[in-house]
């Protein structure tokens, strides 16, 4: 039985470039976490003092959630496409 082993798939970019992008995206994840905390406090204050949450902040929070997903997929090697700022900001729509 002669089974040939397929050669490894070559990545689209070098592993070192991916490493640098992963460091940048990990930093972006950290900043986005603080931004989400700020948005949560802002929405709580708006709900308490302005009669309800702000729809624009809600939409931005939804797009921020999609951004978290893109970051996680890139950092876990599930996606080769680097998220914002190397791609467009995700939309809030479903």
PDB file of N, CA and C in Angstrom:
ATOM      1  N   UNK A   1       0.826  -1.172   0.000  1.00  0.00           N
ATOM      2  CA  UNK A   1       0.000   0.000   0.000  1.00  0.00           C
ATOM      3  C   UNK A   1       0.875   1.242   0.000  1.00  0.00           C
ATOM      4  N   UNK A   2       0.729   2.042  -1.016  1.00  0.00           N
ATOM      5  CA  UNK A   2       1.545   3.253  -1.117  1.00  0.00           C
ATOM      6  C   UNK A   2       0.642   4.468  -0.980  1.00  0.00           C
ATOM      7  N   UNK A   3       0.626   5.023   0.213  1.00  0.00           N
ATOM      8  CA  UNK A   3      -0.193   6.211   0.460  1.00  0.00           C
ATOM      9  C   UNK A   3       0.701   7.431   0.457  1.00  0.00           C
ATOM     10  N   UNK A   4       0.347   8.400  -0.342  1.00  0.00           N
ATOM     11  CA  UNK A   4       1.137   9.626  -0.337  1.00  0.00           C
ATOM     12  C   UNK A   4       0.525  10.612   0.646  1.00  0.00           C
ATOM     13  N   UNK A   5       1.401  11.286   1.324  1.00  0.00           N
ATOM     14  CA  UNK A   5       0.968  12.274   2.309  1.00  0.00           C
ATOM     15  C   UNK A   5       0.971  13.631   1.623  1.00  0.00           C
ATOM     16  N   UNK A   6      -0.126  14.329   1.764  1.00  0.00           N
ATOM     17  CA  UNK A   6      -0.234  15.649   1.138  1.00  0.00           C
ATOM     18  C   UNK A   6       0.718  16.619   1.823  1.00  0.00           C
ATOM     19  N   UNK A   7       1.333  17.512   1.051  1.00  0.00           N
ATOM     20  CA  UNK A   7       2.217  18.500   1.672  1.00  0.00           C
ATOM     21  C   UNK A   7       1.419  19.462   2.536  1.00  0.00           C
ATOM     22  N   UNK A   8       2.056  20.024   3.554  1.00  0.00           N
ATOM     23  CA  UNK A   8       1.329  20.958   4.419  1.00  0.00           C
ATOM     24  C   UNK A   8       0.861  22.175   3.629  1.00  0.00           C
ATOM     25  N   UNK A   9      -0.253  22.685   4.052  1.00  0.00           N
ATOM     26  CA  UNK A   9      -0.815  23.871   3.403  1.00  0.00           C
ATOM     27  C   UNK A   9       0.030  25.076   3.786  1.00  0.00           C
ATOM     28  N   UNK A  10       0.437  25.843   2.789  1.00  0.00           N
ATOM     29  CA  UNK A  10       1.235  27.035   3.083  1.00  0.00           C
ATOM     30  C   UNK A  10       0.308  28.173   3.468  1.00  0.00           C
ATOM     31  N   UNK A  11       0.635  28.875   4.539  1.00  0.00           N
ATOM     32  CA  UNK A  11      -0.227  29.971   4.977  1.00  0.00           C
ATOM     33  C   UNK A  11      -0.143  31.148   4.015  1.00  0.00           C
ATOM     34  N   UNK A  12      -1.148  32.007   4.075  1.00  0.00           N
ATOM     35  CA  UNK A  12      -1.192  33.187   3.213  1.00  0.00           C
ATOM     36  C   UNK A  12      -0.129  34.200   3.595  1.00  0.00           C
ATOM     37  N   UNK A  13       0.235  34.239   4.821  1.00  0.00           N
ATOM     38  CA  UNK A  13       1.278  35.166   5.278  1.00  0.00           C
ATOM     39  C   UNK A  13       2.222  34.387   6.182  1.00  0.00           C
ATOM     40  N   UNK A  14       3.377  34.933   6.399  1.00  0.00           N
ATOM     41  CA  UNK A  14       4.357  34.232   7.221  1.00  0.00           C
ATOM     42  C   UNK A  14       3.867  34.141   8.668  1.00  0.00           C
ATOM     43  N   UNK A  15       4.398  33.182   9.351  1.00  0.00           N
ATOM     44  CA  UNK A  15       4.010  32.974  10.746  1.00  0.00           C
ATOM     45  C   UNK A  15       4.442  34.154  11.607  1.00  0.00           C
ATOM     46  N   UNK A  16       5.568  34.769  11.277  1.00  0.00           N
ATOM     47  CA  UNK A  16       6.022  35.927  12.041  1.00  0.00           C
ATOM     48  C   UNK A  16       5.091  37.112  11.857  1.00  0.00           C
ATOM     49  N   UNK A  17       4.619  37.319  10.643  1.00  0.00           N
ATOM     50  CA  UNK A  17       3.669  38.409  10.403  1.00  0.00           C
ATOM     51  C   UNK A  17       2.365  38.133  11.150  1.00  0.00           C
ATOM     52  N   UNK A  18       1.940  36.890  11.149  1.00  0.00           N
ATOM     53  CA  UNK A  18       0.737  36.509  11.893  1.00  0.00           C
ATOM     54  C   UNK A  18       0.936  36.779  13.384  1.00  0.00           C
ATOM     55  N   UNK A  19       2.117  36.467  13.894  1.00  0.00           N
ATOM     56  CA  UNK A  19       2.431  36.705  15.304  1.00  0.00           C
ATOM     57  C   UNK A  19       2.297  38.192  15.644  1.00  0.00           C
ATOM     58  N   UNK A  20       2.853  39.053  14.795  1.00  0.00           N
ATOM     59  CA  UNK A  20       2.758  40.497  15.024  1.00  0.00           C
ATOM     60  C   UNK A  20       1.298  40.943  14.977  1.00  0.00           C
ATOM     61  N   UNK A  21       0.547  40.453  13.989  1.00  0.00           N
ATOM     62  CA  UNK A  21      -0.873  40.804  13.902  1.00  0.00           C
ATOM     63  C   UNK A  21      -1.652  40.295  15.113  1.00  0.00           C
ATOM     64  N   UNK A  22      -1.294  39.118  15.601  1.00  0.00           N
ATOM     65  CA  UNK A  22      -1.975  38.583  16.776  1.00  0.00           C
ATOM     66  C   UNK A  22      -1.705  39.437  18.007  1.00  0.00           C
ATOM     67  N   UNK A  23      -0.488  39.943  18.147  1.00  0.00           N
ATOM     68  CA  UNK A  23      -0.198  40.846  19.261  1.00  0.00           C
ATOM     69  C   UNK A  23      -1.031  42.123  19.157  1.00  0.00           C
ATOM     70  N   UNK A  24      -1.113  42.674  17.951  1.00  0.00           N
ATOM     71  CA  UNK A  24      -1.925  43.876  17.748  1.00  0.00           C
ATOM     72  C   UNK A  24      -3.404  43.608  18.016  1.00  0.00           C
ATOM     73  N   UNK A  25      -3.895  42.463  17.571  1.00  0.00           N
ATOM     74  CA  UNK A  25      -5.304  42.141  17.778  1.00  0.00           C
ATOM     75  C   UNK A  25      -5.595  41.830  19.248  1.00  0.00           C
ATOM     76  N   UNK A  26      -4.629  41.270  19.964  1.00  0.00           N
ATOM     77  CA  UNK A  26      -4.803  41.055  21.412  1.00  0.00           C
ATOM     78  C   UNK A  26      -4.891  42.398  22.129  1.00  0.00           C
ATOM     79  N   UNK A  27      -4.091  43.362  21.701  1.00  0.00           N
ATOM     80  CA  UNK A  27      -4.175  44.711  22.263  1.00  0.00           C
ATOM     81  C   UNK A  27      -5.530  45.339  21.933  1.00  0.00           C
ATOM     82  N   UNK A  28      -5.989  45.153  20.699  1.00  0.00           N
ATOM     83  CA  UNK A  28      -7.303  45.671  20.308  1.00  0.00           C
ATOM     84  C   UNK A  28      -8.409  45.029  21.142  1.00  0.00           C
ATOM     85  N   UNK A  29      -8.276  43.732  21.442  1.00  0.00           N
ATOM     86  CA  UNK A  29      -9.255  43.031  22.276  1.00  0.00           C
ATOM     87  C   UNK A  29      -9.298  43.654  23.663  1.00  0.00           C
ATOM     88  N   UNK A  30      -8.135  43.962  24.204  1.00  0.00           N
ATOM     89  CA  UNK A  30      -8.048  44.570  25.537  1.00  0.00           C
ATOM     90  C   UNK A  30      -8.710  45.955  25.539  1.00  0.00           C
ATOM     91  N   UNK A  31      -8.418  46.759  24.541  1.00  0.00           N
ATOM     92  CA  UNK A  31      -9.022  48.089  24.441  1.00  0.00           C
ATOM     93  C   UNK A  31     -10.534  47.984  24.257  1.00  0.00           C
ATOM     94  N   UNK A  32     -10.965  47.047  23.420  1.00  0.00           N
ATOM     95  CA  UNK A  32     -12.398  46.862  23.181  1.00  0.00           C
ATOM     96  C   UNK A  32     -13.117  46.426  24.453  1.00  0.00           C
ATOM     97  N   UNK A  33     -12.449  45.667  25.311  1.00  0.00           N
ATOM     98  CA  UNK A  33     -13.048  45.259  26.586  1.00  0.00           C
ATOM     99  C   UNK A  33     -13.331  46.475  27.459  1.00  0.00           C
ATOM    100  N   UNK A  34     -12.377  47.397  27.531  1.00  0.00           N
ATOM    101  CA  UNK A  34     -12.580  48.627  28.299  1.00  0.00           C
ATOM    102  C   UNK A  34     -13.676  49.487  27.670  1.00  0.00           C
ATOM    103  N   UNK A  35     -13.723  49.518  26.361  1.00  0.00           N
ATOM    104  CA  UNK A  35     -14.769  50.276  25.672  1.00  0.00           C
ATOM    105  C   UNK A  35     -16.148  49.688  25.969  1.00  0.00           C
ATOM    106  N   UNK A  36     -16.249  48.369  25.985  1.00  0.00           N
ATOM    107  CA  UNK A  36     -17.515  47.723  26.315  1.00  0.00           C
ATOM    108  C   UNK A  36     -17.934  48.046  27.747  1.00  0.00           C
ATOM    109  N   UNK A  37     -16.989  48.056  28.674  1.00  0.00           N
ATOM    110  CA  UNK A  37     -17.309  48.410  30.061  1.00  0.00           C
ATOM    111  C   UNK A  37     -17.827  49.843  30.138  1.00  0.00           C
ATOM    112  N   UNK A  38     -17.184  50.759  29.410  1.00  0.00           N
ATOM    113  CA  UNK A  38     -17.644  52.143  29.378  1.00  0.00           C
ATOM    114  C   UNK A  38     -19.049  52.244  28.789  1.00  0.00           C
ATOM    115  N   UNK A  39     -19.313  51.512  27.693  1.00  0.00           N
ATOM    116  CA  UNK A  39     -20.643  51.538  27.077  1.00  0.00           C
ATOM    117  C   UNK A  39     -21.709  51.003  28.024  1.00  0.00           C
ATOM    118  N   UNK A  40     -21.374  49.969  28.767  1.00  0.00           N
ATOM    119  CA  UNK A  40     -22.336  49.388  29.705  1.00  0.00           C
ATOM    120  C   UNK A  40     -22.691  50.391  30.805  1.00  0.00           C
ATOM    121  N   UNK A  41     -21.688  51.081  31.326  1.00  0.00           N
ATOM    122  CA  UNK A  41     -21.937  52.089  32.370  1.00  0.00           C
ATOM    123  C   UNK A  41     -22.727  53.264  31.793  1.00  0.00           C
ATOM    124  N   UNK A  42     -22.362  53.675  30.580  1.00  0.00           N
ATOM    125  CA  UNK A  42     -23.087  54.765  29.916  1.00  0.00           C
ATOM    126  C   UNK A  42     -24.549  54.412  29.701  1.00  0.00           C
ATOM    127  N   UNK A  43     -24.818  53.216  29.211  1.00  0.00           N
ATOM    128  CA  UNK A  43     -26.201  52.807  28.970  1.00  0.00           C
ATOM    129  C   UNK A  43     -26.979  52.693  30.287  1.00  0.00           C
ATOM    130  N   UNK A  44     -26.325  52.230  31.327  1.00  0.00           N
ATOM    131  CA  UNK A  44     -26.981  52.149  32.628  1.00  0.00           C
ATOM    132  C   UNK A  44     -27.362  53.545  33.113  1.00  0.00           C
ATOM    133  N   UNK A  45     -26.439  54.495  32.964  1.00  0.00           N
ATOM    134  CA  UNK A  45     -26.728  55.877  33.365  1.00  0.00           C
ATOM    135  C   UNK A  45     -27.842  56.474  32.505  1.00  0.00           C
ATOM    136  N   UNK A  46     -27.805  56.225  31.217  1.00  0.00           N
ATOM    137  CA  UNK A  46     -28.856  56.743  30.334  1.00  0.00           C
ATOM    138  C   UNK A  46     -30.214  56.133  30.672  1.00  0.00           C
ATOM    139  N   UNK A  47     -30.223  54.851  30.972  1.00  0.00           N
ATOM    140  CA  UNK A  47     -31.476  54.191  31.333  1.00  0.00           C
ATOM    141  C   UNK A  47     -32.021  54.742  32.647  1.00  0.00           C
ATOM    142  N   UNK A  48     -31.133  55.067  33.565  1.00  0.00           N
ATOM    143  CA  UNK A  48     -31.571  55.556  34.871  1.00  0.00           C
ATOM    144  C   UNK A  48     -32.003  57.019  34.834  1.00  0.00           C
ATOM    145  N   UNK A  49     -31.281  57.841  34.085  1.00  0.00           N
ATOM    146  CA  UNK A  49     -31.522  59.281  34.154  1.00  0.00           C
ATOM    147  C   UNK A  49     -32.179  59.885  32.914  1.00  0.00           C
ATOM    148  N   UNK A  50     -32.119  59.223  31.784  1.00  0.00           N
ATOM    149  CA  UNK A  50     -32.695  59.782  30.553  1.00  0.00           C
ATOM    150  C   UNK A  50     -33.929  59.022  30.095  1.00  0.00           C
ATOM    151  N   UNK A  51     -34.363  58.054  30.857  1.00  0.00           N
ATOM    152  CA  UNK A  51     -35.593  57.345  30.531  1.00  0.00           C
ATOM    153  C   UNK A  51     -35.427  56.136  29.636  1.00  0.00           C
ATOM    154  N   UNK A  52     -34.235  55.781  29.276  1.00  0.00           N
ATOM    155  CA  UNK A  52     -34.030  54.592  28.451  1.00  0.00           C
ATOM    156  C   UNK A  52     -32.676  54.598  27.784  1.00  0.00           C
ATOM    157  N   UNK A  53     -32.279  53.466  27.256  1.00  0.00           N
ATOM    158  CA  UNK A  53     -30.977  53.378  26.601  1.00  0.00           C
ATOM    159  C   UNK A  53     -30.974  54.126  25.262  1.00  0.00           C
ATOM    160  N   UNK A  54     -29.804  54.551  24.849  1.00  0.00           N
ATOM    161  CA  UNK A  54     -29.643  55.262  23.596  1.00  0.00           C
ATOM    162  C   UNK A  54     -29.541  54.259  22.445  1.00  0.00           C
ATOM    163  N   UNK A  55     -30.376  54.393  21.408  1.00  0.00           N
ATOM    164  CA  UNK A  55     -30.341  53.428  20.299  1.00  0.00           C
ATOM    165  C   UNK A  55     -29.010  53.418  19.535  1.00  0.00           C
ATOM    166  N   UNK A  56     -28.361  54.577  19.433  1.00  0.00           N
ATOM    167  CA  UNK A  56     -27.070  54.609  18.726  1.00  0.00           C
ATOM    168  C   UNK A  56     -25.993  53.888  19.513  1.00  0.00           C
ATOM    169  N   UNK A  57     -26.040  54.023  20.828  1.00  0.00           N
ATOM    170  CA  UNK A  57     -25.079  53.298  21.660  1.00  0.00           C
ATOM    171  C   UNK A  57     -25.386  51.804  21.608  1.00  0.00           C
ATOM    172  N   UNK A  58     -26.666  51.451  21.533  1.00  0.00           N
ATOM    173  CA  UNK A  58     -27.048  50.045  21.387  1.00  0.00           C
ATOM    174  C   UNK A  58     -26.491  49.470  20.087  1.00  0.00           C
ATOM    175  N   UNK A  59     -26.644  50.214  18.989  1.00  0.00           N
ATOM    176  CA  UNK A  59     -26.152  49.746  17.695  1.00  0.00           C
ATOM    177  C   UNK A  59     -24.625  49.601  17.717  1.00  0.00           C
ATOM    178  N   UNK A  60     -23.950  50.563  18.339  1.00  0.00           N
ATOM    179  CA  UNK A  60     -22.491  50.461  18.426  1.00  0.00           C
ATOM    180  C   UNK A  60     -22.081  49.266  19.291  1.00  0.00           C
ATOM    181  N   UNK A  61     -22.824  49.021  20.368  1.00  0.00           N
ATOM    182  CA  UNK A  61     -22.546  47.861  21.212  1.00  0.00           C
ATOM    183  C   UNK A  61     -22.714  46.558  20.455  1.00  0.00           C
ATOM    184  N   UNK A  62     -23.727  46.500  19.590  1.00  0.00           N
ATOM    185  CA  UNK A  62     -23.938  45.295  18.776  1.00  0.00           C
ATOM    186  C   UNK A  62     -22.783  45.090  17.795  1.00  0.00           C
ATOM    187  N   UNK A  63     -22.334  46.181  17.163  1.00  0.00           N
ATOM    188  CA  UNK A  63     -21.211  46.041  16.231  1.00  0.00           C
ATOM    189  C   UNK A  63     -19.919  45.715  16.983  1.00  0.00           C
ATOM    190  N   UNK A  64     -19.783  46.228  18.199  1.00  0.00           N
ATOM    191  CA  UNK A  64     -18.623  45.896  19.023  1.00  0.00           C
ATOM    192  C   UNK A  64     -18.627  44.406  19.371  1.00  0.00           C
ATOM    193  N   UNK A  65     -19.806  43.859  19.625  1.00  0.00           N
ATOM    194  CA  UNK A  65     -19.923  42.424  19.877  1.00  0.00           C
ATOM    195  C   UNK A  65     -19.478  41.597  18.682  1.00  0.00           C
ATOM    196  N   UNK A  66     -19.842  42.038  17.477  1.00  0.00           N
ATOM    197  CA  UNK A  66     -19.391  41.342  16.267  1.00  0.00           C
ATOM    198  C   UNK A  66     -17.872  41.445  16.126  1.00  0.00           C
ATOM    199  N   UNK A  67     -17.331  42.601  16.510  1.00  0.00           N
ATOM    200  CA  UNK A  67     -15.886  42.794  16.459  1.00  0.00           C
ATOM    201  C   UNK A  67     -15.171  41.829  17.401  1.00  0.00           C
ATOM    202  N   UNK A  68     -15.731  41.637  18.604  1.00  0.00           N
ATOM    203  CA  UNK A  68     -15.170  40.650  19.534  1.00  0.00           C
ATOM    204  C   UNK A  68     -15.121  39.268  18.881  1.00  0.00           C
ATOM    205  N   UNK A  69     -16.188  38.917  18.180  1.00  0.00           N
ATOM    206  CA  UNK A  69     -16.224  37.623  17.495  1.00  0.00           C
ATOM    207  C   UNK A  69     -15.150  37.509  16.426  1.00  0.00           C
ATOM    208  N   UNK A  70     -14.976  38.587  15.643  1.00  0.00           N
ATOM    209  CA  UNK A  70     -13.934  38.580  14.619  1.00  0.00           C
ATOM    210  C   UNK A  70     -12.548  38.455  15.247  1.00  0.00           C
ATOM    211  N   UNK A  71     -12.328  39.190  16.326  1.00  0.00           N
ATOM    212  CA  UNK A  71     -11.038  39.108  17.019  1.00  0.00           C
ATOM    213  C   UNK A  71     -10.787  37.690  17.530  1.00  0.00           C
ATOM    214  N   UNK A  72     -11.784  37.098  18.154  1.00  0.00           N
ATOM    215  CA  UNK A  72     -11.628  35.748  18.706  1.00  0.00           C
ATOM    216  C   UNK A  72     -11.337  34.739  17.601  1.00  0.00           C
ATOM    217  N   UNK A  73     -12.059  34.840  16.470  1.00  0.00           N
ATOM    218  CA  UNK A  73     -11.815  33.911  15.366  1.00  0.00           C
ATOM    219  C   UNK A  73     -10.395  34.070  14.810  1.00  0.00           C
ATOM    220  N   UNK A  74      -9.915  35.308  14.696  1.00  0.00           N
ATOM    221  CA  UNK A  74      -8.566  35.524  14.186  1.00  0.00           C
ATOM    222  C   UNK A  74      -7.522  35.004  15.165  1.00  0.00           C
ATOM    223  N   UNK A  75      -7.692  35.304  16.442  1.00  0.00           N
ATOM    224  CA  UNK A  75      -6.708  34.875  17.445  1.00  0.00           C
ATOM    225  C   UNK A  75      -6.679  33.360  17.625  1.00  0.00           C
ATOM    226  N   UNK A  76      -7.803  32.694  17.361  1.00  0.00           N
ATOM    227  CA  UNK A  76      -7.877  31.239  17.507  1.00  0.00           C
ATOM    228  C   UNK A  76      -7.548  30.512  16.202  1.00  0.00           C
ATOM    229  N   UNK A  77      -7.031  31.241  15.190  1.00  0.00           N
ATOM    230  CA  UNK A  77      -6.678  30.674  13.893  1.00  0.00           C
ATOM    231  C   UNK A  77      -7.884  30.118  13.146  1.00  0.00           C
ATOM    232  N   UNK A  78      -9.077  30.586  13.474  1.00  0.00           N
ATOM    233  CA  UNK A  78     -10.268  30.158  12.759  1.00  0.00           C
ATOM    234  C   UNK A  78     -10.474  30.997  11.501  1.00  0.00           C
ATOM    235  N   UNK A  79      -9.810  32.148  11.423  1.00  0.00           N
ATOM    236  CA  UNK A  79      -9.937  33.041  10.280  1.00  0.00           C
ATOM    237  C   UNK A  79      -8.565  33.601   9.931  1.00  0.00           C
ATOM    238  N   UNK A  80      -8.314  33.760   8.646  1.00  0.00           N
ATOM    239  CA  UNK A  80      -7.068  34.373   8.191  1.00  0.00           C
ATOM    240  C   UNK A  80      -7.224  35.871   7.980  1.00  0.00           C
ATOM    241  N   UNK A  81      -8.459  36.349   7.990  1.00  0.00           N
ATOM    242  CA  UNK A  81      -8.714  37.769   7.753  1.00  0.00           C
ATOM    243  C   UNK A  81      -8.580  38.546   9.059  1.00  0.00           C
ATOM    244  N   UNK A  82      -7.632  39.465   9.086  1.00  0.00           N
ATOM    245  CA  UNK A  82      -7.442  40.300  10.272  1.00  0.00           C
ATOM    246  C   UNK A  82      -8.582  41.313  10.355  1.00  0.00           C
ATOM    247  N   UNK A  83      -9.186  41.458  11.533  1.00  0.00           N
ATOM    248  CA  UNK A  83     -10.301  42.397  11.677  1.00  0.00           C
ATOM    249  C   UNK A  83      -9.841  43.861  11.669  1.00  0.00           C
ATOM    250  N   UNK A  84     -10.783  44.769  11.915  1.00  0.00           N
ATOM    251  CA  UNK A  84     -10.509  46.199  11.956  1.00  0.00           C
ATOM    252  C   UNK A  84      -9.273  46.452  12.799  1.00  0.00           C
ATOM    253  N   UNK A  85      -8.346  47.245  12.398  1.00  0.00           N
ATOM    254  CA  UNK A  85      -8.330  48.263  11.353  1.00  0.00           C
ATOM    255  C   UNK A  85      -7.838  47.760  10.003  1.00  0.00           C
ATOM    256  N   UNK A  86      -7.655  46.453   9.855  1.00  0.00           N
ATOM    257  CA  UNK A  86      -7.206  45.894   8.582  1.00  0.00           C
ATOM    258  C   UNK A  86      -8.376  45.511   7.684  1.00  0.00           C
ATOM    259  N   UNK A  87      -9.574  45.619   8.191  1.00  0.00           N
ATOM    260  CA  UNK A  87     -10.799  45.363   7.440  1.00  0.00           C
ATOM    261  C   UNK A  87     -11.835  46.389   7.888  1.00  0.00           C
ATOM    262  N   UNK A  88     -12.993  46.371   7.247  1.00  0.00           N
ATOM    263  CA  UNK A  88     -14.063  47.309   7.630  1.00  0.00           C
ATOM    264  C   UNK A  88     -14.596  46.964   9.003  1.00  0.00           C
ATOM    265  N   UNK A  89     -15.106  48.002   9.684  1.00  0.00           N
ATOM    266  CA  UNK A  89     -15.757  47.800  10.977  1.00  0.00           C
ATOM    267  C   UNK A  89     -17.032  46.990  10.755  1.00  0.00           C
ATOM    268  N   UNK A  90     -17.326  46.001  11.605  1.00  0.00           N
ATOM    269  CA  UNK A  90     -18.536  45.198  11.419  1.00  0.00           C
ATOM    270  C   UNK A  90     -19.817  46.022  11.641  1.00  0.00           C
ATOM    271  N   UNK A  91     -20.850  45.658  10.923  1.00  0.00           N
ATOM    272  CA  UNK A  91     -22.128  46.339  11.066  1.00  0.00           C
ATOM    273  C   UNK A  91     -22.924  45.710  12.197  1.00  0.00           C
ATOM    274  N   UNK A  92     -23.898  46.460  12.695  1.00  0.00           N
ATOM    275  CA  UNK A  92     -24.706  45.982  13.817  1.00  0.00           C
ATOM    276  C   UNK A  92     -25.827  45.058  13.381  1.00  0.00           C
ATOM    277  N   UNK A  93     -26.144  45.023  12.100  1.00  0.00           N
ATOM    278  CA  UNK A  93     -27.261  44.208  11.607  1.00  0.00           C
ATOM    279  C   UNK A  93     -27.005  42.723  11.745  1.00  0.00           C
ATOM    280  N   UNK A  94     -28.065  41.959  11.690  1.00  0.00           N
ATOM    281  CA  UNK A  94     -27.929  40.496  11.823  1.00  0.00           C
ATOM    282  C   UNK A  94     -27.645  39.871  10.524  1.00  0.00           C
TER     283      UNK A  94
END
